[in-house]
Amino acid sequence: MTAPAPKVTISGFVASPAEYAAIRERARSRGATSAVARLAPDGQIDLELHIPGARFDRIRRITGYLVGTLDRFNDAKRAEENDRVKHSIQNASR
């Protein structure tokens, strides 16, 4: 059984029938329910896929260990993680 064809939206360019079919197939093969294809400034096509239920796990390196959660850390390791300097990304478009 194949996945249903995703909804495809084209923005900024006119896609040939072959390009449209390729975009739709790429989205379908990745399990996407919809896709938005945009023309990027460099002339390439950016493809944004909506994949329902995609879950992301955060993995961090703390005190030399790769961890997803702090569940198994003792109080000292939790305190060390809490004392770490937190960095954030500044908005570059001022």
PDB file of N, CA and C in Angstrom:
ATOM      1  N   MET A   1       0.846  -1.182   0.000  1.00  0.00           N
ATOM      2  CA  MET A   1       0.000   0.000   0.000  1.00  0.00           C
ATOM      3  C   MET A   1       0.887   1.240   0.000  1.00  0.00           C
ATOM      4  N   THR A   2       0.620   2.177  -0.883  1.00  0.00           N
ATOM      5  CA  THR A   2       1.409   3.403  -0.950  1.00  0.00           C
ATOM      6  C   THR A   2       0.729   4.512  -0.164  1.00  0.00           C
ATOM      7  N   ALA A   3       1.552   5.455   0.293  1.00  0.00           N
ATOM      8  CA  ALA A   3       1.034   6.599   1.043  1.00  0.00           C
ATOM      9  C   ALA A   3       0.242   7.505   0.108  1.00  0.00           C
ATOM     10  N   PRO A   4      -0.763   8.214   0.639  1.00  0.00           N
ATOM     11  CA  PRO A   4      -1.527   9.129  -0.217  1.00  0.00           C
ATOM     12  C   PRO A   4      -0.646  10.257  -0.734  1.00  0.00           C
ATOM     13  N   ALA A   5      -1.011  10.772  -1.896  1.00  0.00           N
ATOM     14  CA  ALA A   5      -0.229  11.849  -2.505  1.00  0.00           C
ATOM     15  C   ALA A   5      -0.343  13.113  -1.660  1.00  0.00           C
ATOM     16  N   PRO A   6       0.795  13.725  -1.331  1.00  0.00           N
ATOM     17  CA  PRO A   6       0.754  14.948  -0.529  1.00  0.00           C
ATOM     18  C   PRO A   6       0.308  16.150  -1.359  1.00  0.00           C
ATOM     19  N   LYS A   7      -0.206  17.161  -0.677  1.00  0.00           N
ATOM     20  CA  LYS A   7      -0.570  18.416  -1.315  1.00  0.00           C
ATOM     21  C   LYS A   7       0.721  19.197  -1.570  1.00  0.00           C
ATOM     22  N   VAL A   8       0.911  19.671  -2.781  1.00  0.00           N
ATOM     23  CA  VAL A   8       2.127  20.401  -3.146  1.00  0.00           C
ATOM     24  C   VAL A   8       1.762  21.828  -3.537  1.00  0.00           C
ATOM     25  N   THR A   9       2.475  22.796  -2.954  1.00  0.00           N
ATOM     26  CA  THR A   9       2.303  24.201  -3.293  1.00  0.00           C
ATOM     27  C   THR A   9       3.603  24.708  -3.899  1.00  0.00           C
ATOM     28  N   ILE A  10       3.510  25.355  -5.047  1.00  0.00           N
ATOM     29  CA  ILE A  10       4.673  25.908  -5.740  1.00  0.00           C
ATOM     30  C   ILE A  10       4.635  27.422  -5.580  1.00  0.00           C
ATOM     31  N   SER A  11       5.774  28.016  -5.205  1.00  0.00           N
ATOM     32  CA  SER A  11       5.830  29.458  -4.981  1.00  0.00           C
ATOM     33  C   SER A  11       7.092  30.045  -5.618  1.00  0.00           C
ATOM     34  N   GLY A  12       6.921  31.059  -6.461  1.00  0.00           N
ATOM     35  CA  GLY A  12       8.059  31.780  -7.015  1.00  0.00           C
ATOM     36  C   GLY A  12       8.586  31.275  -8.338  1.00  0.00           C
ATOM     37  N   PHE A  13       8.015  30.174  -8.847  1.00  0.00           N
ATOM     38  CA  PHE A  13       8.450  29.665 -10.151  1.00  0.00           C
ATOM     39  C   PHE A  13       7.336  28.803 -10.728  1.00  0.00           C
ATOM     40  N   VAL A  14       7.452  28.503 -12.006  1.00  0.00           N
ATOM     41  CA  VAL A  14       6.486  27.633 -12.672  1.00  0.00           C
ATOM     42  C   VAL A  14       7.149  26.274 -12.840  1.00  0.00           C
ATOM     43  N   ALA A  15       6.549  25.256 -12.238  1.00  0.00           N
ATOM     44  CA  ALA A  15       7.103  23.908 -12.303  1.00  0.00           C
ATOM     45  C   ALA A  15       6.537  23.170 -13.512  1.00  0.00           C
ATOM     46  N   SER A  16       7.412  22.468 -14.216  1.00  0.00           N
ATOM     47  CA  SER A  16       6.948  21.618 -15.312  1.00  0.00           C
ATOM     48  C   SER A  16       6.216  20.422 -14.694  1.00  0.00           C
ATOM     49  N   PRO A  17       5.433  19.711 -15.496  1.00  0.00           N
ATOM     50  CA  PRO A  17       4.761  18.519 -14.961  1.00  0.00           C
ATOM     51  C   PRO A  17       5.752  17.507 -14.366  1.00  0.00           C
ATOM     52  N   ALA A  18       6.925  17.362 -14.978  1.00  0.00           N
ATOM     53  CA  ALA A  18       7.933  16.428 -14.465  1.00  0.00           C
ATOM     54  C   ALA A  18       8.495  16.905 -13.122  1.00  0.00           C
ATOM     55  N   GLU A  19       8.744  18.226 -12.996  1.00  0.00           N
ATOM     56  CA  GLU A  19       9.235  18.777 -11.728  1.00  0.00           C
ATOM     57  C   GLU A  19       8.186  18.614 -10.632  1.00  0.00           C
ATOM     58  N   TYR A  20       6.942  18.907 -10.970  1.00  0.00           N
ATOM     59  CA  TYR A  20       5.855  18.772 -10.005  1.00  0.00           C
ATOM     60  C   TYR A  20       5.751  17.320  -9.517  1.00  0.00           C
ATOM     61  N   ALA A  21       5.824  16.377 -10.461  1.00  0.00           N
ATOM     62  CA  ALA A  21       5.747  14.953 -10.107  1.00  0.00           C
ATOM     63  C   ALA A  21       6.932  14.544  -9.237  1.00  0.00           C
ATOM     64  N   ALA A  22       8.120  15.071  -9.530  1.00  0.00           N
ATOM     65  CA  ALA A  22       9.311  14.735  -8.744  1.00  0.00           C
ATOM     66  C   ALA A  22       9.194  15.288  -7.317  1.00  0.00           C
ATOM     67  N   ILE A  23       8.678  16.511  -7.204  1.00  0.00           N
ATOM     68  CA  ILE A  23       8.491  17.114  -5.878  1.00  0.00           C
ATOM     69  C   ILE A  23       7.468  16.309  -5.084  1.00  0.00           C
ATOM     70  N   ARG A  24       6.373  15.964  -5.725  1.00  0.00           N
ATOM     71  CA  ARG A  24       5.329  15.180  -5.051  1.00  0.00           C
ATOM     72  C   ARG A  24       5.864  13.806  -4.631  1.00  0.00           C
ATOM     73  N   GLU A  25       6.621  13.157  -5.485  1.00  0.00           N
ATOM     74  CA  GLU A  25       7.175  11.837  -5.154  1.00  0.00           C
ATOM     75  C   GLU A  25       8.179  11.928  -4.010  1.00  0.00           C
ATOM     76  N   ARG A  26       9.017  12.972  -4.017  1.00  0.00           N
ATOM     77  CA  ARG A  26       9.988  13.172  -2.938  1.00  0.00           C
ATOM     78  C   ARG A  26       9.264  13.339  -1.604  1.00  0.00           C
ATOM     79  N   ALA A  27       8.205  14.162  -1.607  1.00  0.00           N
ATOM     80  CA  ALA A  27       7.421  14.380  -0.389  1.00  0.00           C
ATOM     81  C   ALA A  27       6.737  13.085   0.057  1.00  0.00           C
ATOM     82  N   ARG A  28       6.144  12.367  -0.886  1.00  0.00           N
ATOM     83  CA  ARG A  28       5.471  11.114  -0.557  1.00  0.00           C
ATOM     84  C   ARG A  28       6.433  10.096   0.027  1.00  0.00           C
ATOM     85  N   SER A  29       7.629   9.986  -0.556  1.00  0.00           N
ATOM     86  CA  SER A  29       8.607   8.999  -0.084  1.00  0.00           C
ATOM     87  C   SER A  29       9.125   9.316   1.313  1.00  0.00           C
ATOM     88  N   ARG A  30       9.013  10.564   1.738  1.00  0.00           N
ATOM     89  CA  ARG A  30       9.452  10.968   3.072  1.00  0.00           C
ATOM     90  C   ARG A  30       8.311  10.937   4.090  1.00  0.00           C
ATOM     91  N   GLY A  31       7.089  10.599   3.641  1.00  0.00           N
ATOM     92  CA  GLY A  31       5.952  10.516   4.535  1.00  0.00           C
ATOM     93  C   GLY A  31       5.273  11.847   4.810  1.00  0.00           C
ATOM     94  N   ALA A  32       5.517  12.833   3.959  1.00  0.00           N
ATOM     95  CA  ALA A  32       4.942  14.168   4.161  1.00  0.00           C
ATOM     96  C   ALA A  32       3.492  14.196   3.693  1.00  0.00           C
ATOM     97  N   THR A  33       2.682  15.000   4.386  1.00  0.00           N
ATOM     98  CA  THR A  33       1.298  15.194   3.965  1.00  0.00           C
ATOM     99  C   THR A  33       1.164  16.419   3.065  1.00  0.00           C
ATOM    100  N   SER A  34       2.156  17.325   3.136  1.00  0.00           N
ATOM    101  CA  SER A  34       2.162  18.487   2.254  1.00  0.00           C
ATOM    102  C   SER A  34       3.589  18.954   2.044  1.00  0.00           C
ATOM    103  N   ALA A  35       3.770  19.708   0.964  1.00  0.00           N
ATOM    104  CA  ALA A  35       5.098  20.228   0.631  1.00  0.00           C
ATOM    105  C   ALA A  35       4.931  21.611   0.012  1.00  0.00           C
ATOM    106  N   VAL A  36       5.901  22.475   0.318  1.00  0.00           N
ATOM    107  CA  VAL A  36       5.936  23.806  -0.291  1.00  0.00           C
ATOM    108  C   VAL A  36       7.293  23.940  -0.976  1.00  0.00           C
ATOM    109  N   ALA A  37       7.276  24.186  -2.276  1.00  0.00           N
ATOM    110  CA  ALA A  37       8.505  24.371  -3.048  1.00  0.00           C
ATOM    111  C   ALA A  37       8.628  25.847  -3.375  1.00  0.00           C
ATOM    112  N   ARG A  38       9.782  26.428  -3.006  1.00  0.00           N
ATOM    113  CA  ARG A  38      10.027  27.857  -3.252  1.00  0.00           C
ATOM    114  C   ARG A  38      11.330  28.020  -4.021  1.00  0.00           C
ATOM    115  N   LEU A  39      11.387  29.090  -4.806  1.00  0.00           N
ATOM    116  CA  LEU A  39      12.620  29.421  -5.505  1.00  0.00           C
ATOM    117  C   LEU A  39      13.513  30.197  -4.538  1.00  0.00           C
ATOM    118  N   ALA A  40      14.693  29.673  -4.269  1.00  0.00           N
ATOM    119  CA  ALA A  40      15.640  30.331  -3.363  1.00  0.00           C
ATOM    120  C   ALA A  40      16.397  31.418  -4.124  1.00  0.00           C
ATOM    121  N   PRO A  41      17.009  32.363  -3.400  1.00  0.00           N
ATOM    122  CA  PRO A  41      17.757  33.444  -4.056  1.00  0.00           C
ATOM    123  C   PRO A  41      18.888  32.946  -4.953  1.00  0.00           C
ATOM    124  N   ASP A  42      19.449  31.773  -4.635  1.00  0.00           N
ATOM    125  CA  ASP A  42      20.552  31.255  -5.449  1.00  0.00           C
ATOM    126  C   ASP A  42      20.076  30.466  -6.664  1.00  0.00           C
ATOM    127  N   GLY A  43      18.747  30.452  -6.902  1.00  0.00           N
ATOM    128  CA  GLY A  43      18.210  29.755  -8.065  1.00  0.00           C
ATOM    129  C   GLY A  43      17.853  28.308  -7.815  1.00  0.00           C
ATOM    130  N   GLN A  44      18.170  27.779  -6.659  1.00  0.00           N
ATOM    131  CA  GLN A  44      17.817  26.409  -6.299  1.00  0.00           C
ATOM    132  C   GLN A  44      16.386  26.380  -5.786  1.00  0.00           C
ATOM    133  N   ILE A  45      15.833  25.191  -5.676  1.00  0.00           N
ATOM    134  CA  ILE A  45      14.488  25.035  -5.147  1.00  0.00           C
ATOM    135  C   ILE A  45      14.586  24.558  -3.702  1.00  0.00           C
ATOM    136  N   ASP A  46      13.977  25.318  -2.785  1.00  0.00           N
ATOM    137  CA  ASP A  46      13.875  24.917  -1.382  1.00  0.00           C
ATOM    138  C   ASP A  46      12.586  24.130  -1.225  1.00  0.00           C
ATOM    139  N   LEU A  47      12.672  22.978  -0.594  1.00  0.00           N
ATOM    140  CA  LEU A  47      11.507  22.136  -0.392  1.00  0.00           C
ATOM    141  C   LEU A  47      11.234  22.005   1.099  1.00  0.00           C
ATOM    142  N   GLU A  48      10.088  22.483   1.530  1.00  0.00           N
ATOM    143  CA  GLU A  48       9.675  22.399   2.929  1.00  0.00           C
ATOM    144  C   GLU A  48       8.619  21.300   3.028  1.00  0.00           C
ATOM    145  N   LEU A  49       8.892  20.284   3.845  1.00  0.00           N
ATOM    146  CA  LEU A  49       7.976  19.160   3.994  1.00  0.00           C
ATOM    147  C   LEU A  49       7.284  19.211   5.346  1.00  0.00           C
ATOM    148  N   HIS A  50       5.995  18.897   5.365  1.00  0.00           N
ATOM    149  CA  HIS A  50       5.261  18.767   6.632  1.00  0.00           C
ATOM    150  C   HIS A  50       5.072  17.279   6.875  1.00  0.00           C
ATOM    151  N   ILE A  51       5.741  16.789   7.922  1.00  0.00           N
ATOM    152  CA  ILE A  51       5.674  15.375   8.269  1.00  0.00           C
ATOM    153  C   ILE A  51       4.983  15.267   9.622  1.00  0.00           C
ATOM    154  N   PRO A  52       3.750  14.783   9.650  1.00  0.00           N
ATOM    155  CA  PRO A  52       3.024  14.721  10.916  1.00  0.00           C
ATOM    156  C   PRO A  52       3.636  13.702  11.868  1.00  0.00           C
ATOM    157  N   GLY A  53       3.621  14.058  13.127  1.00  0.00           N
ATOM    158  CA  GLY A  53       4.097  13.132  14.143  1.00  0.00           C
ATOM    159  C   GLY A  53       5.598  12.997  14.234  1.00  0.00           C
ATOM    160  N   ALA A  54       6.340  13.818  13.484  1.00  0.00           N
ATOM    161  CA  ALA A  54       7.795  13.741  13.567  1.00  0.00           C
ATOM    162  C   ALA A  54       8.210  14.210  14.954  1.00  0.00           C
ATOM    163  N   ARG A  55       8.990  13.406  15.633  1.00  0.00           N
ATOM    164  CA  ARG A  55       9.387  13.725  16.991  1.00  0.00           C
ATOM    165  C   ARG A  55      10.893  13.927  17.022  1.00  0.00           C
ATOM    166  N   PHE A  56      11.308  14.947  17.747  1.00  0.00           N
ATOM    167  CA  PHE A  56      12.724  15.241  17.858  1.00  0.00           C
ATOM    168  C   PHE A  56      13.144  15.053  19.296  1.00  0.00           C
ATOM    169  N   ASP A  57      14.235  14.348  19.472  1.00  0.00           N
ATOM    170  CA  ASP A  57      14.810  14.176  20.794  1.00  0.00           C
ATOM    171  C   ASP A  57      16.031  15.068  20.910  1.00  0.00           C
ATOM    172  N   ARG A  58      16.172  15.684  22.043  1.00  0.00           N
ATOM    173  CA  ARG A  58      17.332  16.534  22.288  1.00  0.00           C
ATOM    174  C   ARG A  58      18.410  15.678  22.941  1.00  0.00           C
ATOM    175  N   ILE A  59      19.577  15.703  22.358  1.00  0.00           N
ATOM    176  CA  ILE A  59      20.714  14.993  22.929  1.00  0.00           C
ATOM    177  C   ILE A  59      21.783  16.026  23.224  1.00  0.00           C
ATOM    178  N   ARG A  60      22.270  15.995  24.460  1.00  0.00           N
ATOM    179  CA  ARG A  60      23.299  16.948  24.877  1.00  0.00           C
ATOM    180  C   ARG A  60      24.506  16.195  25.392  1.00  0.00           C
ATOM    181  N   ARG A  61      25.637  16.848  25.311  1.00  0.00           N
ATOM    182  CA  ARG A  61      26.856  16.293  25.875  1.00  0.00           C
ATOM    183  C   ARG A  61      27.119  17.036  27.177  1.00  0.00           C
ATOM    184  N   ILE A  62      26.953  16.332  28.288  1.00  0.00           N
ATOM    185  CA  ILE A  62      27.144  16.915  29.602  1.00  0.00           C
ATOM    186  C   ILE A  62      28.156  16.064  30.351  1.00  0.00           C
ATOM    187  N   THR A  63      29.190  16.702  30.837  1.00  0.00           N
ATOM    188  CA  THR A  63      30.274  16.046  31.602  1.00  0.00           C
ATOM    189  C   THR A  63      30.788  14.796  30.894  1.00  0.00           C
ATOM    190  N   GLY A  64      30.882  14.869  29.579  1.00  0.00           N
ATOM    191  CA  GLY A  64      31.461  13.772  28.813  1.00  0.00           C
ATOM    192  C   GLY A  64      30.478  12.693  28.407  1.00  0.00           C
ATOM    193  N   TYR A  65      29.217  12.814  28.776  1.00  0.00           N
ATOM    194  CA  TYR A  65      28.214  11.807  28.442  1.00  0.00           C
ATOM    195  C   TYR A  65      27.195  12.388  27.470  1.00  0.00           C
ATOM    196  N   LEU A  66      26.768  11.583  26.502  1.00  0.00           N
ATOM    197  CA  LEU A  66      25.671  11.972  25.619  1.00  0.00           C
ATOM    198  C   LEU A  66      24.382  11.532  26.281  1.00  0.00           C
ATOM    199  N   VAL A  67      23.533  12.493  26.587  1.00  0.00           N
ATOM    200  CA  VAL A  67      22.304  12.172  27.306  1.00  0.00           C
ATOM    201  C   VAL A  67      21.106  12.827  26.635  1.00  0.00           C
ATOM    202  N   GLY A  68      19.954  12.190  26.753  1.00  0.00           N
ATOM    203  CA  GLY A  68      18.722  12.762  26.267  1.00  0.00           C
ATOM    204  C   GLY A  68      17.943  13.417  27.389  1.00  0.00           C
ATOM    205  N   THR A  69      18.032  12.831  28.581  1.00  0.00           N
ATOM    206  CA  THR A  69      17.362  13.389  29.757  1.00  0.00           C
ATOM    207  C   THR A  69      18.328  13.354  30.927  1.00  0.00           C
ATOM    208  N   LEU A  70      17.963  14.054  31.971  1.00  0.00           N
ATOM    209  CA  LEU A  70      18.807  14.092  33.164  1.00  0.00           C
ATOM    210  C   LEU A  70      18.301  13.132  34.238  1.00  0.00           C
ATOM    211  N   ASP A  71      17.408  12.226  33.877  1.00  0.00           N
ATOM    212  CA  ASP A  71      16.780  11.323  34.837  1.00  0.00           C
ATOM    213  C   ASP A  71      17.778  10.540  35.686  1.00  0.00           C
ATOM    214  N   ARG A  72      18.856  10.100  35.091  1.00  0.00           N
ATOM    215  CA  ARG A  72      19.787   9.222  35.800  1.00  0.00           C
ATOM    216  C   ARG A  72      20.962   9.966  36.426  1.00  0.00           C
ATOM    217  N   PHE A  73      20.949  11.291  36.348  1.00  0.00           N
ATOM    218  CA  PHE A  73      22.039  12.073  36.940  1.00  0.00           C
ATOM    219  C   PHE A  73      21.847  12.196  38.446  1.00  0.00           C
ATOM    220  N   ASN A  74      22.965  12.153  39.157  1.00  0.00           N
ATOM    221  CA  ASN A  74      22.891  12.402  40.600  1.00  0.00           C
ATOM    222  C   ASN A  74      22.840  13.919  40.831  1.00  0.00           C
ATOM    223  N   ASP A  75      22.708  14.316  42.093  1.00  0.00           N
ATOM    224  CA  ASP A  75      22.550  15.745  42.423  1.00  0.00           C
ATOM    225  C   ASP A  75      23.722  16.592  41.943  1.00  0.00           C
ATOM    226  N   ALA A  76      24.946  16.065  42.056  1.00  0.00           N
ATOM    227  CA  ALA A  76      26.128  16.832  41.654  1.00  0.00           C
ATOM    228  C   ALA A  76      26.122  17.105  40.148  1.00  0.00           C
ATOM    229  N   LYS A  77      25.793  16.089  39.354  1.00  0.00           N
ATOM    230  CA  LYS A  77      25.752  16.283  37.896  1.00  0.00           C
ATOM    231  C   LYS A  77      24.598  17.213  37.502  1.00  0.00           C
ATOM    232  N   ARG A  78      23.473  17.120  38.182  1.00  0.00           N
ATOM    233  CA  ARG A  78      22.359  18.034  37.905  1.00  0.00           C
ATOM    234  C   ARG A  78      22.748  19.476  38.233  1.00  0.00           C
ATOM    235  N   ALA A  79      23.457  19.654  39.358  1.00  0.00           N
ATOM    236  CA  ALA A  79      23.916  20.992  39.738  1.00  0.00           C
ATOM    237  C   ALA A  79      24.904  21.525  38.710  1.00  0.00           C
ATOM    238  N   GLU A  80      25.803  20.666  38.232  1.00  0.00           N
ATOM    239  CA  GLU A  80      26.775  21.085  37.216  1.00  0.00           C
ATOM    240  C   GLU A  80      26.056  21.525  35.941  1.00  0.00           C
ATOM    241  N   GLU A  81      25.045  20.791  35.517  1.00  0.00           N
ATOM    242  CA  GLU A  81      24.289  21.156  34.319  1.00  0.00           C
ATOM    243  C   GLU A  81      23.555  22.475  34.547  1.00  0.00           C
ATOM    244  N   ASN A  82      23.021  22.665  35.728  1.00  0.00           N
ATOM    245  CA  ASN A  82      22.281  23.882  36.051  1.00  0.00           C
ATOM    246  C   ASN A  82      23.193  25.114  36.072  1.00  0.00           C
ATOM    247  N   ASP A  83      24.455  24.924  36.447  1.00  0.00           N
ATOM    248  CA  ASP A  83      25.411  26.039  36.550  1.00  0.00           C
ATOM    249  C   ASP A  83      26.049  26.399  35.210  1.00  0.00           C
ATOM    250  N   ARG A  84      25.830  25.610  34.198  1.00  0.00           N
ATOM    251  CA  ARG A  84      26.461  25.872  32.903  1.00  0.00           C
ATOM    252  C   ARG A  84      25.957  27.176  32.315  1.00  0.00           C
ATOM    253  N   VAL A  85      26.823  27.828  31.545  1.00  0.00           N
ATOM    254  CA  VAL A  85      26.439  29.055  30.848  1.00  0.00           C
ATOM    255  C   VAL A  85      25.566  28.662  29.660  1.00  0.00           C
ATOM    256  N   LYS A  86      24.391  29.243  29.583  1.00  0.00           N
ATOM    257  CA  LYS A  86      23.467  28.966  28.482  1.00  0.00           C
ATOM    258  C   LYS A  86      23.680  30.002  27.389  1.00  0.00           C
ATOM    259  N   HIS A  87      23.888  29.539  26.178  1.00  0.00           N
ATOM    260  CA  HIS A  87      24.092  30.418  25.029  1.00  0.00           C
ATOM    261  C   HIS A  87      22.826  30.430  24.190  1.00  0.00           C
ATOM    262  N   SER A  88      22.553  31.565  23.570  1.00  0.00           N
ATOM    263  CA  SER A  88      21.407  31.651  22.674  1.00  0.00           C
ATOM    264  C   SER A  88      21.859  32.298  21.379  1.00  0.00           C
ATOM    265  N   ILE A  89      21.063  32.113  20.359  1.00  0.00           N
ATOM    266  CA  ILE A  89      21.364  32.673  19.046  1.00  0.00           C
ATOM    267  C   ILE A  89      20.691  34.035  18.952  1.00  0.00           C
ATOM    268  N   GLN A  90      21.469  35.065  18.648  1.00  0.00           N
ATOM    269  CA  GLN A  90      20.925  36.410  18.498  1.00  0.00           C
ATOM    270  C   GLN A  90      20.294  36.541  17.124  1.00  0.00           C
ATOM    271  N   ASN A  91      19.274  37.372  17.013  1.00  0.00           N
ATOM    272  CA  ASN A  91      18.641  37.637  15.732  1.00  0.00           C
ATOM    273  C   ASN A  91      19.598  38.480  14.898  1.00  0.00           C
ATOM    274  N   ALA A  92      20.031  37.951  13.736  1.00  0.00           N
ATOM    275  CA  ALA A  92      21.036  38.615  12.911  1.00  0.00           C
ATOM    276  C   ALA A  92      20.456  39.783  12.112  1.00  0.00           C
ATOM    277  N   SER A  93      19.151  39.851  11.951  1.00  0.00           N
ATOM    278  CA  SER A  93      18.555  40.911  11.137  1.00  0.00           C
ATOM    279  C   SER A  93      18.125  42.067  12.035  1.00  0.00           C
ATOM    280  N   ARG A  94      19.064  42.962  12.323  1.00  0.00           N
ATOM    281  CA  ARG A  94      18.765  44.115  13.176  1.00  0.00           C
ATOM    282  C   ARG A  94      18.450  45.315  12.362  1.00  0.00           C
TER     283      ARG A  94
END
